[in-house]
Amino acid sequence: MPVSKCLRRCRYEDKSGNLRRDSVSGSSRRMAMINLPCVSTRAFILLILYMVSFTDASGGEENWRKLYKNQEADDEDGQCHGPKIVHVTDATFQNFDDGYLLLLYYSDWSGNSKKILPFWATLAQELDEAGVAITVGLIDSTQNRQNLASRYVHTLPQIFIFHGGQIVAHLVNERTLDDLKAAVVTVTELSESDLDDRKAEVLKQLEDTEAERSQKLQDEEMLHSLAALKFESQVTTLHKDNFYALTSKTDAVVFVYTLWCEHCKVMKADWLELAKDPQIPGVLVAKINLDDFSTFPGARLLEGVPSVLFFRDAAIYGYFNGSRNLEDLRIWANLLTSLTTEELKELVKELQEEEARNLQKAKDELIYEQALLKEEFDDILELSEDNFDGLTRGKSALILFYSERGERSQLMKPVWVSLSKQKELTGLLIARFPETDYRWRHEMEYIHGYPTVLFARNGVIIERYEGVQQLGELYHYAKTLLALSTEEARQKHAHLARTLQREKLMERERDRARHKAESKRREEETRKERQQKRKKKARTGTSTF
């Protein structure tokens, strides 16, 4: 695919030489066109600048920029690795009915969500250090639509505070770290009666807003119903069966959308006009429903929906991030279609070379990070059969049993390093136990796979951790261990003993079933062998006679 992710961005260097991303204004575009050395260079500047200029149709991007300014996401996968974070789902939502819950609704495909995740971890850390009694969590809004606040979530990200399983605040205007912290503190300091009043007031506001939104949607639906019908019937739909056949024959400008996206619905009318526009002849104006065709070439480049892509020879050459109006779309489409394939490839080549340099730099940084991770992981106390009893006697210990050969064990190493650095866990011994050293009495009883996390107190295994092996969950689990009384530890140990006994009985049953099946198989093989011998003997006897 002759395109790089750099097509979406214009990169510059600051005074320290670090790469940064900037949006480009209309005046900047005009200035960039002055004194260009040649026509192709001018076209190149136009191509890239149109791709990186961005105006959010929702009008809310600038507010969110204030929130996560200088908080660029380090992780392309959009994961939030803060130790104070819990991951909430529809199934676990009710588990947080006790106390306060600060919840961020996000999605992996949302660019704003990806940028706010590291900021969210910082907020969680500072709230915890300030002693604010609130659980800070994340919930993937795309996968979880059956919880209390999901019906009020139409754009991402969104922030809610819950108390006792009810919404007590919807944080809309707070756009800085201090404002968010102040809002959380204000809510958590309310009295019980004030909380009840606040819940009723917030619920009324949400319902009124939802009612206004529903009425507005109904009005817009009436206005756009005809356009929507024409959009479905008159704009070509690309899917896995026709994508290559259609996009390999002609240039294609493709609108990527989902059925539930509000901005996509608004944009459908303009896209229908673009499809009928005589000013861009010979270009296929098409659409892709992301819910039905999420694996099309270029899907990995999406930062959200709606998105507009330019294809030639079934390969993506452009990603439009301009203002979502008919005129800008027409200018952008005409600009790309006016270039030959060789010109497009030449323009893309420079960006690919830059991305290759950045990729090599990232690889070098990754090698350094891996070396640093190995050093930090090796610094964690290593237990063995010889020192286990001595080092864990009189202490509470959380121990990672791992294998150097296991992929999952390798993924656990950075989590374990981060866990060992948590100052709040200083009363808990965080240790590691490599596979090569635990060929001893505990192996067959407690270790059923790698990695396994065990809790020990005074040299005795008390509990086997059965939760999600992520930093947030492990951190909260470790915090509960610090407050564990002697009687509670005894009960957990007894429960573990019963669990191990059940597992042994189940394993015996499985062994008996395997032996029975093996015996039956051998008997069947023996029967068939005897039958073959009798048939062979019968044929030999007949032939001899």
Protein backbone atom coordinates (compact mmCIF):
# COMPACT_ATOMS: atom_id res chain seq x y z
CA MET A 1 0.00 0.00 0.00
CA PRO A 2 1.85 3.13 -1.22
CA VAL A 3 0.88 5.43 1.61
CA SER A 4 1.99 6.11 5.13
CA LYS A 5 0.30 7.34 8.20
CA CYS A 6 2.18 10.58 7.72
CA LEU A 7 -0.32 11.51 4.99
CA ARG A 8 -2.65 12.64 7.75
CA ARG A 9 -0.16 14.89 9.49
CA CYS A 10 2.21 17.73 8.78
CA ARG A 11 5.29 17.36 10.96
CA TYR A 12 7.54 20.15 12.15
CA GLU A 13 10.42 20.38 14.60
CA ASP A 14 10.43 22.62 17.65
CA LYS A 15 13.50 24.43 18.98
CA SER A 16 14.70 21.32 20.78
CA GLY A 17 14.50 19.28 17.59
CA ASN A 18 11.53 17.18 18.71
CA LEU A 19 8.81 16.37 16.22
CA ARG A 20 5.41 17.93 16.88
CA ARG A 21 2.07 18.09 15.08
CA ASP A 22 0.32 21.35 14.24
CA SER A 23 -2.95 22.14 12.51
CA VAL A 24 -2.62 24.54 9.59
CA SER A 25 -4.91 27.51 9.15
CA GLY A 26 -6.27 28.83 5.89
CA SER A 27 -3.90 31.82 5.95
CA SER A 28 -0.97 29.47 6.49
CA ARG A 29 -2.00 27.52 3.40
CA ARG A 30 -2.05 30.68 1.31
CA MET A 31 1.37 31.73 2.58
CA ALA A 32 2.78 28.28 1.85
CA MET A 33 1.93 28.71 -1.84
CA ILE A 34 4.11 31.82 -2.30
CA ASN A 35 7.41 31.50 -4.18
CA LEU A 36 7.16 27.76 -4.71
CA PRO A 37 10.00 26.51 -6.92
CA CYS A 38 7.88 24.37 -9.22
CA VAL A 39 4.33 23.29 -9.99
CA SER A 40 4.74 19.76 -8.63
CA THR A 41 6.08 21.08 -5.32
CA ARG A 42 3.14 23.49 -5.14
CA ALA A 43 0.75 20.59 -5.74
CA PHE A 44 2.53 18.57 -3.05
CA ILE A 45 2.11 21.36 -0.50
CA LEU A 46 -1.55 21.69 -1.39
CA LEU A 47 -2.09 17.93 -1.11
CA ILE A 48 -0.53 17.63 2.31
CA LEU A 49 -1.98 20.85 3.75
CA TYR A 50 -5.51 19.90 2.73
CA MET A 51 -4.99 16.55 4.39
CA VAL A 52 -3.84 17.98 7.72
CA SER A 53 -6.20 20.96 8.09
CA PHE A 54 -9.05 20.04 10.38
CA THR A 55 -12.25 21.61 11.57
CA ASP A 56 -14.40 19.61 13.97
CA ALA A 57 -18.05 19.76 12.86
CA SER A 58 -19.15 19.17 16.46
CA GLY A 59 -17.44 22.40 17.54
CA GLY A 60 -16.00 20.69 20.59
CA GLU A 61 -12.47 19.84 19.53
CA GLU A 62 -10.90 23.09 20.76
CA ASN A 63 -12.27 22.47 24.26
CA TRP A 64 -10.82 18.99 24.29
CA ARG A 65 -7.49 20.34 22.98
CA LYS A 66 -7.24 22.41 26.18
CA LEU A 67 -7.88 19.28 28.21
CA TYR A 68 -5.12 17.16 26.74
CA LYS A 69 -2.68 19.82 25.50
CA ASN A 70 0.85 18.43 25.69
CA GLN A 71 -0.60 15.06 26.69
CA GLU A 72 0.20 13.20 23.43
CA ALA A 73 -0.56 9.51 23.67
CA ASP A 74 2.58 7.39 23.90
CA ASP A 75 0.76 4.20 23.04
CA GLU A 76 -0.66 3.80 19.51
CA ASP A 77 -2.99 1.08 20.76
CA GLY A 78 -4.75 3.65 22.93
CA GLN A 79 -4.34 1.63 26.12
CA CYS A 80 -4.37 3.37 29.49
CA HIS A 81 -1.79 1.81 31.78
CA GLY A 82 -2.26 3.92 34.91
CA PRO A 83 -2.19 1.86 38.12
CA LYS A 84 -5.28 3.61 39.53
CA ILE A 85 -7.50 2.74 36.56
CA VAL A 86 -10.15 -0.01 36.47
CA HIS A 87 -11.71 -1.26 33.23
CA VAL A 88 -15.51 -1.36 33.48
CA THR A 89 -17.92 -3.32 31.30
CA ASP A 90 -21.70 -3.71 31.20
CA ALA A 91 -21.29 -6.95 33.16
CA THR A 92 -19.15 -5.37 35.91
CA PHE A 93 -20.84 -1.97 36.05
CA GLN A 94 -23.03 -2.89 39.02
CA ASN A 95 -19.95 -3.94 41.01
CA PHE A 96 -19.20 -0.25 41.58
CA ASP A 97 -22.55 0.65 43.15
CA ASP A 98 -20.84 1.24 46.50
CA GLY A 99 -19.07 4.60 46.75
CA TYR A 100 -18.08 6.98 43.97
CA LEU A 101 -17.07 6.11 40.41
CA LEU A 102 -15.47 8.54 37.92
CA LEU A 103 -15.93 6.97 34.50
CA LEU A 104 -14.53 7.90 31.10
CA TYR A 105 -16.52 6.67 28.11
CA TYR A 106 -14.12 6.13 25.20
CA SER A 107 -13.54 4.10 22.04
CA ASP A 108 -10.43 2.68 20.39
CA TRP A 109 -11.26 4.34 17.07
CA SER A 110 -11.84 7.78 18.60
CA GLY A 111 -8.85 10.09 18.14
CA ASN A 112 -9.93 12.30 21.06
CA SER A 113 -10.26 9.23 23.28
CA LYS A 114 -6.75 8.05 22.41
CA LYS A 115 -5.30 11.43 23.31
CA ILE A 116 -7.08 11.77 26.64
CA LEU A 117 -6.15 8.32 27.99
CA PRO A 118 -2.71 9.30 29.39
CA PHE A 119 -4.29 12.43 30.87
CA TRP A 120 -6.87 10.21 32.54
CA ALA A 121 -4.16 8.15 34.22
CA THR A 122 -2.56 11.35 35.56
CA LEU A 123 -5.91 12.49 36.95
CA ALA A 124 -6.42 9.12 38.64
CA GLN A 125 -2.95 9.26 40.15
CA GLU A 126 -3.42 12.75 41.57
CA LEU A 127 -6.86 11.98 42.99
CA ASP A 128 -5.45 8.92 44.71
CA GLU A 129 -2.51 10.87 46.13
CA ALA A 130 -4.92 13.55 47.38
CA GLY A 131 -6.85 10.87 49.29
CA VAL A 132 -10.11 11.36 47.36
CA ALA A 133 -12.24 8.26 47.90
CA ILE A 134 -13.32 7.58 44.33
CA THR A 135 -12.74 4.78 41.83
CA VAL A 136 -11.46 5.99 38.46
CA GLY A 137 -12.40 3.84 35.50
CA LEU A 138 -12.67 3.43 31.74
CA ILE A 139 -15.45 1.90 29.68
CA ASP A 140 -15.33 1.12 25.97
CA SER A 141 -18.51 2.77 24.75
CA THR A 142 -18.51 0.84 21.47
CA GLN A 143 -18.58 -2.56 23.16
CA ASN A 144 -20.70 -1.59 26.17
CA ARG A 145 -24.03 0.10 25.40
CA GLN A 146 -26.26 -1.44 28.07
CA ASN A 147 -25.24 0.53 31.20
CA LEU A 148 -26.83 3.41 33.07
CA ALA A 149 -25.28 6.35 31.19
CA SER A 150 -24.80 4.85 27.73
CA ARG A 151 -28.08 6.29 26.43
CA TYR A 152 -26.70 9.78 27.08
CA VAL A 153 -23.41 9.13 25.24
CA HIS A 154 -23.53 10.26 21.61
CA THR A 155 -20.04 11.71 21.15
CA LEU A 156 -16.75 10.59 22.66
CA PRO A 157 -15.15 10.92 25.09
CA GLN A 158 -17.69 11.62 27.87
CA ILE A 159 -17.16 11.85 31.65
CA PHE A 160 -19.66 10.90 34.38
CA ILE A 161 -19.50 10.64 38.17
CA PHE A 162 -21.66 7.94 39.78
CA HIS A 163 -22.63 7.39 43.41
CA GLY A 164 -24.53 4.39 44.63
CA GLY A 165 -25.16 3.30 41.06
CA GLN A 166 -26.72 6.64 40.05
CA ILE A 167 -25.40 9.56 38.02
CA VAL A 168 -24.42 12.46 40.25
CA ALA A 169 -22.50 14.59 37.71
CA HIS A 170 -21.92 14.88 33.97
CA LEU A 171 -18.66 16.79 33.50
CA VAL A 172 -19.07 18.85 30.35
CA ASN A 173 -17.52 22.27 31.05
CA GLU A 174 -14.47 21.13 33.04
CA ARG A 175 -11.55 21.27 30.62
CA THR A 176 -8.41 21.34 32.78
CA LEU A 177 -6.84 18.99 35.29
CA ASP A 178 -7.53 21.39 38.16
CA ASP A 179 -11.15 21.89 37.10
CA LEU A 180 -11.75 18.14 36.92
CA LYS A 181 -10.14 17.54 40.30
CA ALA A 182 -12.16 20.38 41.83
CA ALA A 183 -15.38 18.98 40.36
CA VAL A 184 -14.66 15.52 41.77
CA VAL A 185 -13.78 16.90 45.22
CA THR A 186 -16.94 19.04 45.24
CA VAL A 187 -19.14 16.04 44.49
CA THR A 188 -17.44 13.71 46.99
CA GLU A 189 -17.87 16.29 49.78
CA LEU A 190 -21.65 16.60 49.34
CA SER A 191 -23.89 15.47 52.17
CA GLU A 192 -26.33 12.60 51.70
CA SER A 193 -29.31 14.95 51.28
CA ASP A 194 -27.39 17.18 48.86
CA LEU A 195 -26.34 14.08 46.91
CA ASP A 196 -29.97 13.02 46.49
CA ASP A 197 -30.92 16.51 45.28
CA ARG A 198 -27.93 16.57 42.93
CA LYS A 199 -28.83 13.18 41.46
CA ALA A 200 -32.41 14.28 40.78
CA GLU A 201 -31.23 17.57 39.24
CA VAL A 202 -28.62 15.92 36.99
CA LEU A 203 -31.07 13.23 35.87
CA LYS A 204 -33.64 15.89 34.96
CA GLN A 205 -31.02 17.84 32.98
CA LEU A 206 -29.92 14.70 31.12
CA GLU A 207 -33.49 13.69 30.33
CA ASP A 208 -34.38 17.23 29.17
CA THR A 209 -31.28 17.31 26.96
CA GLU A 210 -32.10 13.87 25.59
CA ALA A 211 -35.68 14.94 24.87
CA GLU A 212 -34.46 18.06 23.03
CA ARG A 213 -31.97 15.97 21.10
CA SER A 214 -34.65 13.44 20.16
CA GLN A 215 -36.95 16.21 18.95
CA LYS A 216 -34.12 17.80 16.97
CA LEU A 217 -33.27 14.44 15.42
CA GLN A 218 -36.90 13.89 14.48
CA ASP A 219 -37.00 17.31 12.81
CA GLU A 220 -33.71 16.65 11.01
CA GLU A 221 -34.87 13.17 10.09
CA MET A 222 -37.90 14.63 8.35
CA LEU A 223 -35.69 17.10 6.49
CA HIS A 224 -33.06 14.54 5.53
CA SER A 225 -35.17 11.42 5.12
CA LEU A 226 -35.38 11.82 1.34
CA ALA A 227 -31.65 12.57 1.11
CA ALA A 228 -30.91 9.53 3.27
CA LEU A 229 -32.98 7.29 1.02
CA LYS A 230 -31.24 8.66 -2.04
CA PHE A 231 -27.88 8.27 -0.27
CA GLU A 232 -28.52 4.56 0.25
CA SER A 233 -29.85 3.94 -3.25
CA GLN A 234 -27.81 6.34 -5.42
CA VAL A 235 -24.34 6.24 -3.81
CA THR A 236 -22.34 3.09 -4.61
CA THR A 237 -21.67 0.88 -1.60
CA LEU A 238 -18.26 -0.80 -1.45
CA HIS A 239 -17.97 -4.20 0.22
CA LYS A 240 -15.54 -7.11 0.19
CA ASP A 241 -17.02 -8.59 -2.99
CA ASN A 242 -16.78 -5.47 -5.19
CA PHE A 243 -14.09 -3.29 -3.58
CA TYR A 244 -11.10 -4.33 -5.70
CA ALA A 245 -13.10 -4.55 -8.92
CA LEU A 246 -14.45 -0.99 -8.60
CA THR A 247 -11.50 0.86 -7.06
CA SER A 248 -8.92 -0.68 -9.40
CA LYS A 249 -10.66 0.71 -12.51
CA THR A 250 -11.06 4.38 -11.56
CA ASP A 251 -10.19 6.95 -8.91
CA ALA A 252 -12.52 6.66 -5.94
CA VAL A 253 -13.44 9.11 -3.20
CA VAL A 254 -14.94 7.05 -0.39
CA PHE A 255 -17.07 8.13 2.56
CA VAL A 256 -16.57 5.87 5.61
CA TYR A 257 -19.41 5.96 8.14
CA THR A 258 -21.46 4.03 10.68
CA LEU A 259 -25.23 3.94 11.03
CA TRP A 260 -25.19 5.24 14.61
CA CYS A 261 -22.80 8.20 14.01
CA GLU A 262 -24.65 11.53 14.29
CA HIS A 263 -22.06 13.51 12.28
CA CYS A 264 -22.23 10.87 9.54
CA LYS A 265 -25.98 11.43 9.19
CA VAL A 266 -25.48 15.18 8.77
CA MET A 267 -22.80 14.63 6.12
CA LYS A 268 -24.86 12.25 3.98
CA ALA A 269 -26.66 15.08 2.16
CA ASP A 270 -23.38 16.70 1.06
CA TRP A 271 -22.01 13.33 -0.01
CA LEU A 272 -25.06 12.72 -2.15
CA GLU A 273 -24.49 16.11 -3.83
CA LEU A 274 -20.82 15.26 -4.35
CA ALA A 275 -21.80 11.98 -6.02
CA LYS A 276 -23.87 13.94 -8.55
CA ASP A 277 -21.33 16.79 -8.93
CA PRO A 278 -20.43 17.30 -12.63
CA GLN A 279 -17.25 19.16 -11.62
CA ILE A 280 -15.45 15.92 -10.71
CA PRO A 281 -16.14 13.67 -13.72
CA GLY A 282 -14.69 10.20 -14.01
CA VAL A 283 -14.41 9.73 -10.24
CA LEU A 284 -16.29 7.06 -8.31
CA VAL A 285 -17.95 8.67 -5.28
CA ALA A 286 -18.76 5.76 -2.99
CA LYS A 287 -19.40 4.80 0.61
CA ILE A 288 -18.29 2.11 3.10
CA ASN A 289 -20.37 1.13 6.11
CA LEU A 290 -17.69 0.43 8.70
CA ASP A 291 -20.01 -1.90 10.60
CA ASP A 292 -20.24 -4.18 7.55
CA PHE A 293 -16.75 -3.80 6.04
CA SER A 294 -14.21 -2.96 8.74
CA THR A 295 -11.28 -4.75 7.06
CA PHE A 296 -11.01 -2.70 3.88
CA PRO A 297 -7.51 -1.51 2.87
CA GLY A 298 -6.82 1.67 4.80
CA ALA A 299 -9.09 0.93 7.76
CA ARG A 300 -6.09 1.00 10.09
CA LEU A 301 -5.53 4.67 9.20
CA LEU A 302 -8.90 5.79 10.54
CA GLU A 303 -9.00 8.05 13.57
CA GLY A 304 -12.78 8.15 13.68
CA VAL A 305 -15.93 8.51 11.61
CA PRO A 306 -16.96 10.08 9.35
CA SER A 307 -13.77 9.79 7.27
CA VAL A 308 -13.04 10.44 3.59
CA LEU A 309 -10.38 8.46 1.69
CA PHE A 310 -8.96 8.68 -1.83
CA PHE A 311 -8.19 5.44 -3.69
CA ARG A 312 -6.39 4.78 -6.96
CA ASP A 313 -5.61 1.30 -8.28
CA ALA A 314 -7.29 -0.12 -5.14
CA ALA A 315 -4.64 1.59 -2.95
CA ILE A 316 -5.15 4.53 -0.62
CA TYR A 317 -3.36 7.77 -1.52
CA GLY A 318 -5.21 10.34 0.55
CA TYR A 319 -6.96 10.90 3.89
CA PHE A 320 -9.11 14.03 4.04
CA ASN A 321 -9.22 15.96 7.31
CA GLY A 322 -10.57 19.23 5.95
CA SER A 323 -13.80 20.99 6.88
CA ARG A 324 -16.81 18.80 6.16
CA ASN A 325 -18.52 20.83 3.45
CA LEU A 326 -19.21 20.26 -0.21
CA GLU A 327 -16.85 22.93 -1.57
CA ASP A 328 -13.75 21.72 0.32
CA LEU A 329 -14.51 18.13 -0.60
CA ARG A 330 -14.78 19.09 -4.28
CA ILE A 331 -11.48 21.02 -4.23
CA TRP A 332 -9.69 18.15 -2.47
CA ALA A 333 -11.06 15.50 -4.84
CA ASN A 334 -10.17 17.53 -7.94
CA LEU A 335 -6.67 18.17 -6.60
CA LEU A 336 -5.88 14.48 -6.19
CA THR A 337 -7.54 13.34 -9.41
CA SER A 338 -5.56 15.93 -11.40
CA LEU A 339 -2.28 14.21 -10.49
CA THR A 340 -0.88 11.24 -12.35
CA THR A 341 -0.10 8.04 -10.51
CA GLU A 342 3.61 8.72 -10.84
CA GLU A 343 3.17 12.18 -9.36
CA LEU A 344 1.17 10.77 -6.48
CA LYS A 345 3.79 8.10 -5.83
CA GLU A 346 6.57 10.69 -5.95
CA LEU A 347 4.75 12.93 -3.50
CA VAL A 348 4.07 10.03 -1.17
CA LYS A 349 7.66 8.76 -1.39
CA GLU A 350 9.09 11.65 0.63
CA LEU A 351 6.59 11.05 3.42
CA GLN A 352 7.34 7.33 3.41
CA GLU A 353 11.05 8.03 3.73
CA GLU A 354 10.37 10.33 6.64
CA GLU A 355 8.19 7.69 8.25
CA ALA A 356 10.96 5.12 7.74
CA ARG A 357 13.37 7.40 9.60
CA ASN A 358 10.85 7.86 12.37
CA LEU A 359 10.23 4.12 12.46
CA GLN A 360 13.96 3.42 12.83
CA LYS A 361 14.12 5.97 15.61
CA ALA A 362 11.16 4.27 17.28
CA LYS A 363 12.88 0.88 16.93
CA ASP A 364 16.05 2.24 18.52
CA GLU A 365 13.97 3.66 21.36
CA LEU A 366 12.17 0.32 21.69
CA ILE A 367 15.48 -1.54 21.98
CA TYR A 368 16.51 0.87 24.72
CA GLU A 369 13.16 0.51 26.49
CA GLN A 370 13.39 -3.27 26.34
CA ALA A 371 16.89 -3.18 27.81
CA LEU A 372 15.69 -0.83 30.53
CA LEU A 373 12.69 -3.07 31.22
CA LYS A 374 14.97 -6.12 31.58
CA GLU A 375 17.19 -4.22 34.02
CA GLU A 376 14.22 -3.02 36.10
CA PHE A 377 12.58 -6.44 36.07
CA ASP A 378 15.84 -8.11 37.15
CA ASP A 379 16.01 -5.65 40.07
CA ILE A 380 12.77 -7.07 41.49
CA LEU A 381 13.43 -9.57 44.29
CA GLU A 382 13.90 -13.06 42.81
CA LEU A 383 12.69 -15.99 44.88
CA SER A 384 13.83 -19.59 44.59
CA GLU A 385 13.25 -22.87 46.36
CA ASP A 386 16.23 -22.14 48.61
CA ASN A 387 15.28 -18.64 49.77
CA PHE A 388 11.45 -18.71 49.55
CA ASP A 389 10.75 -19.57 53.20
CA GLY A 390 13.37 -17.19 54.56
CA LEU A 391 12.46 -14.15 52.49
CA THR A 392 8.69 -14.48 52.87
CA ARG A 393 8.63 -15.37 56.59
CA GLY A 394 6.85 -12.69 58.59
CA LYS A 395 5.85 -10.80 55.43
CA SER A 396 3.00 -10.47 52.96
CA ALA A 397 4.20 -11.14 49.41
CA LEU A 398 2.68 -10.93 45.95
CA ILE A 399 4.67 -13.24 43.67
CA LEU A 400 4.76 -13.54 39.91
CA PHE A 401 5.50 -17.07 38.70
CA TYR A 402 6.61 -16.76 35.08
CA SER A 403 8.43 -18.41 32.21
CA GLU A 404 11.08 -16.76 30.07
CA ARG A 405 9.74 -18.76 27.13
CA GLY A 406 6.13 -17.64 27.47
CA GLU A 407 4.75 -14.73 25.46
CA ARG A 408 2.18 -13.88 28.12
CA SER A 409 4.89 -13.87 30.74
CA GLN A 410 6.85 -11.33 28.70
CA LEU A 411 3.76 -9.13 28.46
CA MET A 412 3.42 -9.26 32.25
CA LYS A 413 6.93 -7.95 32.91
CA PRO A 414 6.21 -4.21 32.40
CA VAL A 415 3.04 -4.58 34.49
CA TRP A 416 5.05 -6.18 37.30
CA VAL A 417 7.74 -3.49 37.11
CA SER A 418 5.11 -0.74 37.37
CA LEU A 419 3.42 -2.54 40.26
CA SER A 420 6.73 -2.79 42.14
CA LYS A 421 7.15 1.00 41.88
CA GLN A 422 3.88 1.88 43.62
CA LYS A 423 4.70 3.69 46.86
CA GLU A 424 1.32 2.79 48.36
CA LEU A 425 2.35 -0.89 48.28
CA THR A 426 5.54 -0.53 50.32
CA GLY A 427 4.13 -2.86 52.98
CA LEU A 428 3.77 -5.63 50.41
CA LEU A 429 6.73 -7.61 49.09
CA ILE A 430 6.56 -7.65 45.28
CA ALA A 431 8.66 -10.57 44.03
CA ARG A 432 9.21 -12.86 41.05
CA PHE A 433 9.76 -16.61 40.79
CA PRO A 434 11.26 -17.86 37.48
CA GLU A 435 10.09 -21.14 36.03
CA THR A 436 13.53 -22.81 36.21
CA ASP A 437 13.62 -22.42 39.98
CA TYR A 438 10.25 -23.69 41.16
CA ARG A 439 10.56 -27.41 40.51
CA TRP A 440 9.41 -27.98 44.06
CA ARG A 441 6.44 -28.87 46.21
CA HIS A 442 4.33 -25.84 45.23
CA GLU A 443 4.56 -26.24 41.46
CA MET A 444 1.96 -28.95 40.83
CA GLU A 445 -0.45 -27.54 43.39
CA TYR A 446 -0.66 -23.88 42.44
CA ILE A 447 0.87 -23.33 39.00
CA HIS A 448 -1.38 -24.28 36.10
CA GLY A 449 0.01 -21.89 33.52
CA TYR A 450 2.28 -18.93 33.01
CA PRO A 451 2.10 -16.32 34.29
CA THR A 452 0.48 -17.04 37.67
CA VAL A 453 0.22 -14.58 40.57
CA LEU A 454 0.19 -15.96 44.13
CA PHE A 455 -0.26 -14.22 47.46
CA ALA A 456 1.80 -15.54 50.36
CA ARG A 457 1.93 -14.57 54.02
CA ASN A 458 4.55 -15.80 56.45
CA GLY A 459 5.86 -18.31 53.91
CA VAL A 460 2.43 -19.86 53.25
CA ILE A 461 0.53 -19.57 49.96
CA ILE A 462 -2.78 -17.89 50.84
CA GLU A 463 -4.49 -17.17 47.54
CA ARG A 464 -4.12 -17.52 43.78
CA TYR A 465 -5.05 -14.37 41.87
CA GLU A 466 -7.81 -15.14 39.35
CA GLY A 467 -8.53 -11.61 38.05
CA VAL A 468 -7.52 -9.72 34.94
CA GLN A 469 -3.74 -9.44 34.66
CA GLN A 470 -3.65 -5.69 34.11
CA LEU A 471 -1.98 -3.04 36.21
CA GLY A 472 -5.13 -1.33 37.46
CA GLU A 473 -6.79 -4.53 38.62
CA LEU A 474 -3.59 -5.89 40.18
CA TYR A 475 -2.99 -2.61 42.00
CA HIS A 476 -6.46 -2.64 43.58
CA TYR A 477 -6.05 -6.32 44.45
CA ALA A 478 -2.70 -5.58 46.13
CA LYS A 479 -4.27 -2.74 48.13
CA THR A 480 -6.87 -5.13 49.52
CA LEU A 481 -4.11 -7.54 50.58
CA LEU A 482 -2.48 -4.87 52.74
CA ALA A 483 -5.69 -4.53 54.76
CA LEU A 484 -6.19 -8.30 55.09
CA SER A 485 -6.60 -9.47 58.69
CA THR A 486 -5.15 -12.72 60.03
CA GLU A 487 -8.62 -14.30 60.16
CA GLU A 488 -9.41 -13.24 56.58
CA ALA A 489 -6.07 -14.67 55.44
CA ARG A 490 -6.89 -17.94 57.19
CA GLN A 491 -10.26 -18.10 55.43
CA LYS A 492 -8.66 -17.41 52.04
CA HIS A 493 -6.10 -20.15 52.65
CA ALA A 494 -8.88 -22.59 53.55
CA HIS A 495 -10.79 -21.61 50.42
CA LEU A 496 -7.68 -22.16 48.32
CA ALA A 497 -7.20 -25.60 49.87
CA ARG A 498 -10.77 -26.55 48.97
CA THR A 499 -10.28 -25.21 45.45
CA LEU A 500 -7.11 -27.25 45.01
CA GLN A 501 -8.90 -30.35 46.30
CA ARG A 502 -11.70 -29.87 43.77
CA GLU A 503 -9.17 -29.35 41.00
CA LYS A 504 -7.40 -32.58 41.98
CA LEU A 505 -10.68 -34.50 41.92
CA MET A 506 -11.57 -33.02 38.52
CA GLU A 507 -8.11 -33.91 37.22
CA ARG A 508 -8.55 -37.49 38.43
CA GLU A 509 -11.89 -37.66 36.67
CA ARG A 510 -10.31 -36.36 33.48
CA ASP A 511 -7.47 -38.90 33.83
CA ARG A 512 -9.96 -41.73 34.27
CA ALA A 513 -11.92 -40.51 31.25
CA ARG A 514 -8.71 -40.34 29.20
CA HIS A 515 -7.64 -43.83 30.32
CA LYS A 516 -11.08 -45.20 29.54
CA ALA A 517 -11.07 -43.60 26.09
CA GLU A 518 -7.53 -44.87 25.46
CA SER A 519 -8.46 -48.41 26.54
CA LYS A 520 -11.50 -48.34 24.30
CA ARG A 521 -9.36 -47.12 21.40
CA ARG A 522 -6.79 -49.89 21.92
CA GLU A 523 -9.53 -52.51 22.15
CA GLU A 524 -11.03 -51.25 18.91
CA GLU A 525 -7.63 -51.33 17.21
CA THR A 526 -7.04 -54.89 18.48
CA ARG A 527 -10.46 -55.96 17.24
CA LYS A 528 -9.80 -54.48 13.79
CA GLU A 529 -6.36 -56.14 13.61
CA ARG A 530 -7.86 -59.56 14.44
CA GLN A 531 -10.61 -58.98 11.91
CA GLN A 532 -8.04 -58.12 9.22
CA LYS A 533 -6.01 -61.25 10.07
CA ARG A 534 -9.11 -63.46 9.79
CA LYS A 535 -9.99 -61.91 6.41
CA LYS A 536 -6.42 -62.34 5.17
CA LYS A 537 -6.32 -65.94 6.35
CA ALA A 538 -9.66 -66.65 4.69
CA ARG A 539 -8.43 -65.20 1.38
CA THR A 540 -5.17 -67.20 1.58
CA GLY A 541 -7.01 -70.43 2.30
CA THR A 542 -9.32 -69.90 -0.66
CA SER A 543 -6.45 -69.12 -3.00
CA THR A 544 -4.50 -72.22 -1.92
CA PHE A 545 -7.45 -74.48 -2.43
